[in-house]
């Protein structure tokens, strides 16, 4: 049941990412996707627009990140490391996506 819910969440999130990318005129593959705590999410909301997120369970956050990156077929998802928002996966409550060139 959890796999079905996570798969549905991933499909919905990827759908929203693709639609938002089309709306704002950039490629869906250019999203930076990472795990974030509530504080990190709040700070990112002040820095980047558009920014999308979904709440995730800490146990499934890494799996969700991998599923989203596979669905988007994006190499930049796995390669980008931002030390300002580095957190351990156990503290992460959100999967956050933002475009690095679109700051507020």
PDB file of N, CA and C in Angstrom:
ATOM      1  N   UNK A   1       0.823  -1.197   0.000  1.00  0.00           N
ATOM      2  CA  UNK A   1       0.000   0.000   0.000  1.00  0.00           C
ATOM      3  C   UNK A   1       0.866   1.259   0.000  1.00  0.00           C
ATOM      4  N   UNK A   2       1.947   1.232   0.797  1.00  0.00           N
ATOM      5  CA  UNK A   2       2.836   2.380   0.843  1.00  0.00           C
ATOM      6  C   UNK A   2       3.488   2.613  -0.511  1.00  0.00           C
ATOM      7  N   UNK A   3       3.834   1.537  -1.216  1.00  0.00           N
ATOM      8  CA  UNK A   3       4.436   1.675  -2.536  1.00  0.00           C
ATOM      9  C   UNK A   3       3.466   2.324  -3.521  1.00  0.00           C
ATOM     10  N   UNK A   4       2.184   1.949  -3.432  1.00  0.00           N
ATOM     11  CA  UNK A   4       1.189   2.536  -4.321  1.00  0.00           C
ATOM     12  C   UNK A   4       1.011   4.023  -4.021  1.00  0.00           C
ATOM     13  N   UNK A   5       1.001   4.377  -2.732  1.00  0.00           N
ATOM     14  CA  UNK A   5       0.859   5.780  -2.363  1.00  0.00           C
ATOM     15  C   UNK A   5       2.073   6.593  -2.786  1.00  0.00           C
ATOM     16  N   UNK A   6       3.261   6.037  -2.582  1.00  0.00           N
ATOM     17  CA  UNK A   6       4.458   6.777  -2.970  1.00  0.00           C
ATOM     18  C   UNK A   6       4.549   6.902  -4.489  1.00  0.00           C
ATOM     19  N   UNK A   7       4.162   5.871  -5.222  1.00  0.00           N
ATOM     20  CA  UNK A   7       4.185   5.943  -6.678  1.00  0.00           C
ATOM     21  C   UNK A   7       3.192   6.993  -7.173  1.00  0.00           C
ATOM     22  N   UNK A   8       2.022   7.048  -6.575  1.00  0.00           N
ATOM     23  CA  UNK A   8       1.035   8.059  -6.961  1.00  0.00           C
ATOM     24  C   UNK A   8       1.549   9.456  -6.626  1.00  0.00           C
ATOM     25  N   UNK A   9       2.170   9.613  -5.472  1.00  0.00           N
ATOM     26  CA  UNK A   9       2.739  10.909  -5.085  1.00  0.00           C
ATOM     27  C   UNK A   9       3.838  11.329  -6.040  1.00  0.00           C
ATOM     28  N   UNK A  10       4.679  10.391  -6.431  1.00  0.00           N
ATOM     29  CA  UNK A  10       5.766  10.687  -7.365  1.00  0.00           C
ATOM     30  C   UNK A  10       5.204  11.099  -8.714  1.00  0.00           C
ATOM     31  N   UNK A  11       4.232  10.351  -9.211  1.00  0.00           N
ATOM     32  CA  UNK A  11       3.636  10.691 -10.516  1.00  0.00           C
ATOM     33  C   UNK A  11       2.989  12.069 -10.478  1.00  0.00           C
ATOM     34  N   UNK A  12       2.288  12.379  -9.400  1.00  0.00           N
ATOM     35  CA  UNK A  12       1.643  13.686  -9.264  1.00  0.00           C
ATOM     36  C   UNK A  12       2.678  14.797  -9.186  1.00  0.00           C
ATOM     37  N   UNK A  13       3.735  14.575  -8.405  1.00  0.00           N
ATOM     38  CA  UNK A  13       4.782  15.582  -8.254  1.00  0.00           C
ATOM     39  C   UNK A  13       5.496  15.838  -9.578  1.00  0.00           C
ATOM     40  N   UNK A  14       5.829  14.793 -10.300  1.00  0.00           N
ATOM     41  CA  UNK A  14       6.494  14.946 -11.602  1.00  0.00           C
ATOM     42  C   UNK A  14       5.575  15.663 -12.583  1.00  0.00           C
ATOM     43  N   UNK A  15       4.298  15.340 -12.557  1.00  0.00           N
ATOM     44  CA  UNK A  15       3.324  16.020 -13.413  1.00  0.00           C
ATOM     45  C   UNK A  15       3.319  17.520 -13.120  1.00  0.00           C
ATOM     46  N   UNK A  16       3.290  17.878 -11.844  1.00  0.00           N
ATOM     47  CA  UNK A  16       3.301  19.286 -11.455  1.00  0.00           C
ATOM     48  C   UNK A  16       4.602  19.969 -11.862  1.00  0.00           C
ATOM     49  N   UNK A  17       5.729  19.265 -11.711  1.00  0.00           N
ATOM     50  CA  UNK A  17       7.020  19.831 -12.112  1.00  0.00           C
ATOM     51  C   UNK A  17       7.054  20.119 -13.606  1.00  0.00           C
ATOM     52  N   UNK A  18       6.567  19.186 -14.400  1.00  0.00           N
ATOM     53  CA  UNK A  18       6.567  19.382 -15.852  1.00  0.00           C
ATOM     54  C   UNK A  18       5.640  20.521 -16.254  1.00  0.00           C
ATOM     55  N   UNK A  19       4.467  20.590 -15.652  1.00  0.00           N
ATOM     56  CA  UNK A  19       3.536  21.672 -15.969  1.00  0.00           C
ATOM     57  C   UNK A  19       4.097  23.031 -15.574  1.00  0.00           C
ATOM     58  N   UNK A  20       4.698  23.106 -14.421  1.00  0.00           N
ATOM     59  CA  UNK A  20       5.275  24.364 -13.948  1.00  0.00           C
ATOM     60  C   UNK A  20       6.441  24.786 -14.847  1.00  0.00           C
ATOM     61  N   UNK A  21       7.247  23.839 -15.284  1.00  0.00           N
ATOM     62  CA  UNK A  21       8.359  24.155 -16.182  1.00  0.00           C
ATOM     63  C   UNK A  21       7.840  24.724 -17.502  1.00  0.00           C
ATOM     64  N   UNK A  22       6.786  24.142 -18.028  1.00  0.00           N
ATOM     65  CA  UNK A  22       6.192  24.649 -19.266  1.00  0.00           C
ATOM     66  C   UNK A  22       5.642  26.054 -19.037  1.00  0.00           C
ATOM     67  N   UNK A  23       4.969  26.248 -17.921  1.00  0.00           N
ATOM     68  CA  UNK A  23       4.361  27.546 -17.614  1.00  0.00           C
ATOM     69  C   UNK A  23       5.410  28.650 -17.503  1.00  0.00           C
ATOM     70  N   UNK A  24       6.570  28.336 -16.913  1.00  0.00           N
ATOM     71  CA  UNK A  24       7.600  29.345 -16.708  1.00  0.00           C
ATOM     72  C   UNK A  24       8.695  29.330 -17.770  1.00  0.00           C
ATOM     73  N   UNK A  25       8.596  28.438 -18.739  1.00  0.00           N
ATOM     74  CA  UNK A  25       9.474  28.468 -19.897  1.00  0.00           C
ATOM     75  C   UNK A  25      10.862  27.898 -19.706  1.00  0.00           C
ATOM     76  N   UNK A  26      10.997  26.830 -18.969  1.00  0.00           N
ATOM     77  CA  UNK A  26      12.288  26.150 -18.894  1.00  0.00           C
ATOM     78  C   UNK A  26      12.069  24.654 -18.976  1.00  0.00           C
ATOM     79  N   UNK A  27      13.156  23.909 -19.125  1.00  0.00           N
ATOM     80  CA  UNK A  27      13.057  22.461 -19.291  1.00  0.00           C
ATOM     81  C   UNK A  27      12.752  21.791 -17.960  1.00  0.00           C
ATOM     82  N   UNK A  28      11.958  20.742 -18.004  1.00  0.00           N
ATOM     83  CA  UNK A  28      11.618  20.000 -16.783  1.00  0.00           C
ATOM     84  C   UNK A  28      12.847  19.360 -16.169  1.00  0.00           C
ATOM     85  N   UNK A  29      13.858  19.063 -16.984  1.00  0.00           N
ATOM     86  CA  UNK A  29      15.073  18.433 -16.487  1.00  0.00           C
ATOM     87  C   UNK A  29      15.950  19.396 -15.692  1.00  0.00           C
ATOM     88  N   UNK A  30      15.654  20.682 -15.740  1.00  0.00           N
ATOM     89  CA  UNK A  30      16.519  21.658 -15.071  1.00  0.00           C
ATOM     90  C   UNK A  30      16.154  21.899 -13.603  1.00  0.00           C
ATOM     91  N   UNK A  31      15.130  21.227 -13.104  1.00  0.00           N
ATOM     92  CA  UNK A  31      14.789  21.348 -11.686  1.00  0.00           C
ATOM     93  C   UNK A  31      15.912  20.769 -10.828  1.00  0.00           C
ATOM     94  N   UNK A  32      16.187  21.400  -9.713  1.00  0.00           N
ATOM     95  CA  UNK A  32      17.050  20.839  -8.684  1.00  0.00           C
ATOM     96  C   UNK A  32      16.119  20.262  -7.633  1.00  0.00           C
ATOM     97  N   UNK A  33      16.280  18.989  -7.343  1.00  0.00           N
ATOM     98  CA  UNK A  33      15.386  18.310  -6.403  1.00  0.00           C
ATOM     99  C   UNK A  33      16.213  17.776  -5.251  1.00  0.00           C
ATOM    100  N   UNK A  34      15.769  18.086  -4.044  1.00  0.00           N
ATOM    101  CA  UNK A  34      16.504  17.618  -2.873  1.00  0.00           C
ATOM    102  C   UNK A  34      15.567  17.450  -1.687  1.00  0.00           C
ATOM    103  N   UNK A  35      16.078  16.781  -0.685  1.00  0.00           N
ATOM    104  CA  UNK A  35      15.339  16.600   0.555  1.00  0.00           C
ATOM    105  C   UNK A  35      15.605  17.813   1.437  1.00  0.00           C
ATOM    106  N   UNK A  36      14.606  18.198   2.237  1.00  0.00           N
ATOM    107  CA  UNK A  36      14.764  19.387   3.060  1.00  0.00           C
ATOM    108  C   UNK A  36      13.965  19.265   4.357  1.00  0.00           C
ATOM    109  N   UNK A  37      14.466  19.946   5.361  1.00  0.00           N
ATOM    110  CA  UNK A  37      13.724  20.067   6.610  1.00  0.00           C
ATOM    111  C   UNK A  37      12.727  21.211   6.451  1.00  0.00           C
ATOM    112  N   UNK A  38      11.889  21.398   7.430  1.00  0.00           N
ATOM    113  CA  UNK A  38      10.911  22.485   7.372  1.00  0.00           C
ATOM    114  C   UNK A  38      11.614  23.842   7.319  1.00  0.00           C
ATOM    115  N   UNK A  39      12.702  23.988   8.062  1.00  0.00           N
ATOM    116  CA  UNK A  39      13.452  25.248   8.052  1.00  0.00           C
ATOM    117  C   UNK A  39      14.116  25.489   6.705  1.00  0.00           C
ATOM    118  N   UNK A  40      14.714  24.448   6.121  1.00  0.00           N
ATOM    119  CA  UNK A  40      15.316  24.576   4.792  1.00  0.00           C
ATOM    120  C   UNK A  40      14.272  24.961   3.750  1.00  0.00           C
ATOM    121  N   UNK A  41      13.109  24.330   3.825  1.00  0.00           N
ATOM    122  CA  UNK A  41      12.032  24.638   2.875  1.00  0.00           C
ATOM    123  C   UNK A  41      11.611  26.101   2.990  1.00  0.00           C
ATOM    124  N   UNK A  42      11.495  26.566   4.207  1.00  0.00           N
ATOM    125  CA  UNK A  42      11.096  27.953   4.431  1.00  0.00           C
ATOM    126  C   UNK A  42      12.133  28.918   3.862  1.00  0.00           C
ATOM    127  N   UNK A  43      13.423  28.613   4.064  1.00  0.00           N
ATOM    128  CA  UNK A  43      14.486  29.462   3.523  1.00  0.00           C
ATOM    129  C   UNK A  43      14.515  29.425   2.003  1.00  0.00           C
ATOM    130  N   UNK A  44      14.286  28.252   1.413  1.00  0.00           N
ATOM    131  CA  UNK A  44      14.272  28.138  -0.046  1.00  0.00           C
ATOM    132  C   UNK A  44      13.094  28.890  -0.650  1.00  0.00           C
ATOM    133  N   UNK A  45      11.961  28.903   0.044  1.00  0.00           N
ATOM    134  CA  UNK A  45      10.797  29.634  -0.454  1.00  0.00           C
ATOM    135  C   UNK A  45      11.089  31.120  -0.569  1.00  0.00           C
ATOM    136  N   UNK A  46      11.961  31.634   0.283  1.00  0.00           N
ATOM    137  CA  UNK A  46      12.331  33.047   0.234  1.00  0.00           C
ATOM    138  C   UNK A  46      13.311  33.340  -0.895  1.00  0.00           C
ATOM    139  N   UNK A  47      14.057  32.315  -1.334  1.00  0.00           N
ATOM    140  CA  UNK A  47      15.102  32.518  -2.335  1.00  0.00           C
ATOM    141  C   UNK A  47      14.675  32.193  -3.762  1.00  0.00           C
ATOM    142  N   UNK A  48      13.818  31.193  -3.942  1.00  0.00           N
ATOM    143  CA  UNK A  48      13.526  30.686  -5.279  1.00  0.00           C
ATOM    144  C   UNK A  48      12.038  30.725  -5.586  1.00  0.00           C
ATOM    145  N   UNK A  49      11.744  31.051  -6.859  1.00  0.00           N
ATOM    146  CA  UNK A  49      10.369  30.991  -7.347  1.00  0.00           C
ATOM    147  C   UNK A  49      10.420  30.607  -8.809  1.00  0.00           C
ATOM    148  N   UNK A  50       9.710  29.640  -9.257  1.00  0.00           N
ATOM    149  CA  UNK A  50       8.785  28.786  -8.514  1.00  0.00           C
ATOM    150  C   UNK A  50       9.531  27.720  -7.716  1.00  0.00           C
ATOM    151  N   UNK A  51       8.906  27.284  -6.663  1.00  0.00           N
ATOM    152  CA  UNK A  51       9.436  26.195  -5.858  1.00  0.00           C
ATOM    153  C   UNK A  51       8.273  25.291  -5.497  1.00  0.00           C
ATOM    154  N   UNK A  52       8.421  24.018  -5.767  1.00  0.00           N
ATOM    155  CA  UNK A  52       7.381  23.046  -5.447  1.00  0.00           C
ATOM    156  C   UNK A  52       7.909  22.080  -4.406  1.00  0.00           C
ATOM    157  N   UNK A  53       7.006  21.533  -3.607  1.00  0.00           N
ATOM    158  CA  UNK A  53       7.426  20.578  -2.588  1.00  0.00           C
ATOM    159  C   UNK A  53       6.298  19.606  -2.294  1.00  0.00           C
ATOM    160  N   UNK A  54       6.673  18.459  -1.754  1.00  0.00           N
ATOM    161  CA  UNK A  54       5.701  17.510  -1.224  1.00  0.00           C
ATOM    162  C   UNK A  54       6.223  17.011   0.123  1.00  0.00           C
ATOM    163  N   UNK A  55       5.326  16.814   1.058  1.00  0.00           N
ATOM    164  CA  UNK A  55       5.761  16.223   2.336  1.00  0.00           C
ATOM    165  C   UNK A  55       6.042  14.731   2.143  1.00  0.00           C
ATOM    166  N   UNK A  56       7.105  14.253   2.782  1.00  0.00           N
ATOM    167  CA  UNK A  56       7.471  12.836   2.697  1.00  0.00           C
ATOM    168  C   UNK A  56       7.820  12.328   4.089  1.00  0.00           C
ATOM    169  N   UNK A  57       7.704  11.038   4.250  1.00  0.00           N
ATOM    170  CA  UNK A  57       8.158  10.408   5.480  1.00  0.00           C
ATOM    171  C   UNK A  57       9.679  10.299   5.429  1.00  0.00           C
ATOM    172  N   UNK A  58      10.356  10.519   6.547  1.00  0.00           N
ATOM    173  CA  UNK A  58      11.819  10.441   6.526  1.00  0.00           C
ATOM    174  C   UNK A  58      12.339   9.097   6.023  1.00  0.00           C
ATOM    175  N   UNK A  59      11.610   8.032   6.296  1.00  0.00           N
ATOM    176  CA  UNK A  59      12.055   6.697   5.867  1.00  0.00           C
ATOM    177  C   UNK A  59      11.995   6.526   4.353  1.00  0.00           C
ATOM    178  N   UNK A  60      11.100   7.249   3.708  1.00  0.00           N
ATOM    179  CA  UNK A  60      10.914   7.083   2.267  1.00  0.00           C
ATOM    180  C   UNK A  60      11.503   8.231   1.451  1.00  0.00           C
ATOM    181  N   UNK A  61      12.134   9.197   2.098  1.00  0.00           N
ATOM    182  CA  UNK A  61      12.588  10.389   1.387  1.00  0.00           C
ATOM    183  C   UNK A  61      13.633  10.071   0.320  1.00  0.00           C
ATOM    184  N   UNK A  62      14.578   9.197   0.608  1.00  0.00           N
ATOM    185  CA  UNK A  62      15.615   8.859  -0.378  1.00  0.00           C
ATOM    186  C   UNK A  62      15.006   8.114  -1.559  1.00  0.00           C
ATOM    187  N   UNK A  63      14.105   7.188  -1.270  1.00  0.00           N
ATOM    188  CA  UNK A  63      13.432   6.445  -2.334  1.00  0.00           C
ATOM    189  C   UNK A  63      12.608   7.386  -3.213  1.00  0.00           C
ATOM    190  N   UNK A  64      11.901   8.327  -2.595  1.00  0.00           N
ATOM    191  CA  UNK A  64      11.094   9.284  -3.360  1.00  0.00           C
ATOM    192  C   UNK A  64      11.987  10.161  -4.237  1.00  0.00           C
ATOM    193  N   UNK A  65      13.114  10.598  -3.697  1.00  0.00           N
ATOM    194  CA  UNK A  65      14.052  11.412  -4.466  1.00  0.00           C
ATOM    195  C   UNK A  65      14.548  10.652  -5.690  1.00  0.00           C
ATOM    196  N   UNK A  66      14.880   9.396  -5.507  1.00  0.00           N
ATOM    197  CA  UNK A  66      15.355   8.580  -6.629  1.00  0.00           C
ATOM    198  C   UNK A  66      14.254   8.349  -7.658  1.00  0.00           C
ATOM    199  N   UNK A  67      13.039   8.095  -7.198  1.00  0.00           N
ATOM    200  CA  UNK A  67      11.935   7.872  -8.137  1.00  0.00           C
ATOM    201  C   UNK A  67      11.633   9.120  -8.959  1.00  0.00           C
ATOM    202  N   UNK A  68      11.638  10.272  -8.314  1.00  0.00           N
ATOM    203  CA  UNK A  68      11.374  11.517  -9.037  1.00  0.00           C
ATOM    204  C   UNK A  68      12.482  11.769 -10.053  1.00  0.00           C
ATOM    205  N   UNK A  69      13.728  11.557  -9.657  1.00  0.00           N
ATOM    206  CA  UNK A  69      14.832  11.801 -10.588  1.00  0.00           C
ATOM    207  C   UNK A  69      14.773  10.853 -11.785  1.00  0.00           C
ATOM    208  N   UNK A  70      14.378   9.619 -11.556  1.00  0.00           N
ATOM    209  CA  UNK A  70      14.236   8.673 -12.668  1.00  0.00           C
ATOM    210  C   UNK A  70      13.103   9.097 -13.591  1.00  0.00           C
ATOM    211  N   UNK A  71      11.995   9.522 -13.011  1.00  0.00           N
ATOM    212  CA  UNK A  71      10.852   9.943 -13.838  1.00  0.00           C
ATOM    213  C   UNK A  71      11.173  11.177 -14.666  1.00  0.00           C
ATOM    214  N   UNK A  72      11.954  12.086 -14.102  1.00  0.00           N
ATOM    215  CA  UNK A  72      12.323  13.284 -14.852  1.00  0.00           C
ATOM    216  C   UNK A  72      13.498  13.035 -15.795  1.00  0.00           C
ATOM    217  N   UNK A  73      14.187  11.908 -15.579  1.00  0.00           N
ATOM    218  CA  UNK A  73      15.370  11.567 -16.371  1.00  0.00           C
ATOM    219  C   UNK A  73      16.383  12.702 -16.331  1.00  0.00           C
ATOM    220  N   UNK A  74      16.640  13.176 -15.134  1.00  0.00           N
ATOM    221  CA  UNK A  74      17.517  14.316 -14.953  1.00  0.00           C
ATOM    222  C   UNK A  74      18.807  13.914 -14.267  1.00  0.00           C
ATOM    223  N   UNK A  75      19.925  14.190 -14.909  1.00  0.00           N
ATOM    224  CA  UNK A  75      21.224  13.921 -14.304  1.00  0.00           C
ATOM    225  C   UNK A  75      21.543  14.959 -13.245  1.00  0.00           C
ATOM    226  N   UNK A  76      21.049  16.183 -13.413  1.00  0.00           N
ATOM    227  CA  UNK A  76      21.393  17.246 -12.468  1.00  0.00           C
ATOM    228  C   UNK A  76      20.803  17.006 -11.083  1.00  0.00           C
ATOM    229  N   UNK A  77      19.769  16.209 -10.994  1.00  0.00           N
ATOM    230  CA  UNK A  77      19.176  15.917  -9.699  1.00  0.00           C
ATOM    231  C   UNK A  77      20.180  15.212  -8.803  1.00  0.00           C
ATOM    232  N   UNK A  78      20.931  14.273  -9.345  1.00  0.00           N
ATOM    233  CA  UNK A  78      21.876  13.512  -8.550  1.00  0.00           C
ATOM    234  C   UNK A  78      23.209  14.226  -8.373  1.00  0.00           C
ATOM    235  N   UNK A  79      23.564  15.138  -9.277  1.00  0.00           N
ATOM    236  CA  UNK A  79      24.876  15.749  -9.241  1.00  0.00           C
ATOM    237  C   UNK A  79      24.934  17.014  -8.414  1.00  0.00           C
ATOM    238  N   UNK A  80      23.837  17.718  -8.230  1.00  0.00           N
ATOM    239  CA  UNK A  80      23.865  19.013  -7.564  1.00  0.00           C
ATOM    240  C   UNK A  80      23.913  18.841  -6.051  1.00  0.00           C
ATOM    241  N   UNK A  81      24.882  19.505  -5.439  1.00  0.00           N
ATOM    242  CA  UNK A  81      24.996  19.486  -3.983  1.00  0.00           C
ATOM    243  C   UNK A  81      25.096  20.917  -3.498  1.00  0.00           C
ATOM    244  N   UNK A  82      24.157  21.347  -2.708  1.00  0.00           N
ATOM    245  CA  UNK A  82      24.156  22.694  -2.160  1.00  0.00           C
ATOM    246  C   UNK A  82      24.422  22.579  -0.666  1.00  0.00           C
ATOM    247  N   UNK A  83      25.592  22.979  -0.237  1.00  0.00           N
ATOM    248  CA  UNK A  83      25.962  22.798   1.170  1.00  0.00           C
ATOM    249  C   UNK A  83      25.144  23.685   2.101  1.00  0.00           C
ATOM    250  N   UNK A  84      24.551  24.739   1.589  1.00  0.00           N
ATOM    251  CA  UNK A  84      23.747  25.606   2.446  1.00  0.00           C
ATOM    252  C   UNK A  84      22.505  24.888   2.956  1.00  0.00           C
ATOM    253  N   UNK A  85      22.030  23.896   2.215  1.00  0.00           N
ATOM    254  CA  UNK A  85      20.818  23.191   2.610  1.00  0.00           C
ATOM    255  C   UNK A  85      21.070  21.707   2.836  1.00  0.00           C
ATOM    256  N   UNK A  86      22.301  21.318   3.163  1.00  0.00           N
ATOM    257  CA  UNK A  86      22.624  19.914   3.424  1.00  0.00           C
ATOM    258  C   UNK A  86      22.025  19.481   4.758  1.00  0.00           C
ATOM    259  N   UNK A  87      21.281  18.397   4.761  1.00  0.00           N
ATOM    260  CA  UNK A  87      20.720  17.847   5.990  1.00  0.00           C
ATOM    261  C   UNK A  87      20.737  16.334   5.886  1.00  0.00           C
ATOM    262  N   UNK A  88      20.658  15.679   7.020  1.00  0.00           N
ATOM    263  CA  UNK A  88      20.590  14.223   6.981  1.00  0.00           C
ATOM    264  C   UNK A  88      19.183  13.808   6.587  1.00  0.00           C
ATOM    265  N   UNK A  89      19.071  12.653   5.988  1.00  0.00           N
ATOM    266  CA  UNK A  89      17.772  12.210   5.486  1.00  0.00           C
ATOM    267  C   UNK A  89      16.785  11.912   6.612  1.00  0.00           C
ATOM    268  N   UNK A  90      17.273  11.680   7.813  1.00  0.00           N
ATOM    269  CA  UNK A  90      16.364  11.382   8.924  1.00  0.00           C
ATOM    270  C   UNK A  90      15.596  12.613   9.390  1.00  0.00           C
ATOM    271  N   UNK A  91      16.136  13.801   9.147  1.00  0.00           N
ATOM    272  CA  UNK A  91      15.464  15.028   9.560  1.00  0.00           C
ATOM    273  C   UNK A  91      14.586  15.612   8.467  1.00  0.00           C
ATOM    274  N   UNK A  92      14.664  15.076   7.275  1.00  0.00           N
ATOM    275  CA  UNK A  92      13.962  15.657   6.129  1.00  0.00           C
ATOM    276  C   UNK A  92      12.495  15.295   6.144  1.00  0.00           C
ATOM    277  N   UNK A  93      11.681  16.293   5.926  1.00  0.00           N
ATOM    278  CA  UNK A  93      10.234  16.105   5.902  1.00  0.00           C
ATOM    279  C   UNK A  93       9.620  16.469   4.551  1.00  0.00           C
ATOM    280  N   UNK A  94      10.426  17.054   3.652  1.00  0.00           N
ATOM    281  CA  UNK A  94       9.910  17.522   2.373  1.00  0.00           C
ATOM    282  C   UNK A  94      10.854  17.144   1.238  1.00  0.00           C
ATOM    283  N   UNK A  95      10.258  16.929   0.086  1.00  0.00           N
ATOM    284  CA  UNK A  95      11.003  16.808  -1.157  1.00  0.00           C
ATOM    285  C   UNK A  95      10.756  18.122  -1.887  1.00  0.00           C
ATOM    286  N   UNK A  96      11.812  18.885  -2.123  1.00  0.00           N
ATOM    287  CA  UNK A  96      11.715  20.248  -2.630  1.00  0.00           C
ATOM    288  C   UNK A  96      12.319  20.311  -4.025  1.00  0.00           C
ATOM    289  N   UNK A  97      11.665  21.046  -4.925  1.00  0.00           N
ATOM    290  CA  UNK A  97      12.184  21.253  -6.277  1.00  0.00           C
ATOM    291  C   UNK A  97      12.198  22.748  -6.567  1.00  0.00           C
ATOM    292  N   UNK A  98      13.326  23.205  -7.106  1.00  0.00           N
ATOM    293  CA  UNK A  98      13.446  24.610  -7.477  1.00  0.00           C
ATOM    294  C   UNK A  98      14.346  24.734  -8.691  1.00  0.00           C
ATOM    295  N   UNK A  99      14.264  25.874  -9.343  1.00  0.00           N
ATOM    296  CA  UNK A  99      15.116  26.146 -10.497  1.00  0.00           C
ATOM    297  C   UNK A  99      16.204  27.110 -10.034  1.00  0.00           C
ATOM    298  N   UNK A 100      17.488  26.742 -10.163  1.00  0.00           N
ATOM    299  CA  UNK A 100      18.563  27.542  -9.575  1.00  0.00           C
ATOM    300  C   UNK A 100      18.720  28.936 -10.203  1.00  0.00           C
ATOM    301  N   UNK A 101      18.280  29.115 -11.443  1.00  0.00           N
ATOM    302  CA  UNK A 101      18.445  30.411 -12.108  1.00  0.00           C
ATOM    303  C   UNK A 101      17.272  31.348 -11.869  1.00  0.00           C
ATOM    304  N   UNK A 102      16.233  30.884 -11.208  1.00  0.00           N
ATOM    305  CA  UNK A 102      15.048  31.712 -10.994  1.00  0.00           C
ATOM    306  C   UNK A 102      14.950  32.079  -9.529  1.00  0.00           C
ATOM    307  N   UNK A 103      15.606  33.153  -9.169  1.00  0.00           N
ATOM    308  CA  UNK A 103      15.568  33.612  -7.789  1.00  0.00           C
ATOM    309  C   UNK A 103      14.530  34.711  -7.648  1.00  0.00           C
ATOM    310  N   UNK A 104      14.044  34.876  -6.438  1.00  0.00           N
ATOM    311  CA  UNK A 104      13.017  35.886  -6.162  1.00  0.00           C
ATOM    312  C   UNK A 104      13.589  37.262  -6.287  1.00  0.00           C
TER     313      UNK A 104
END
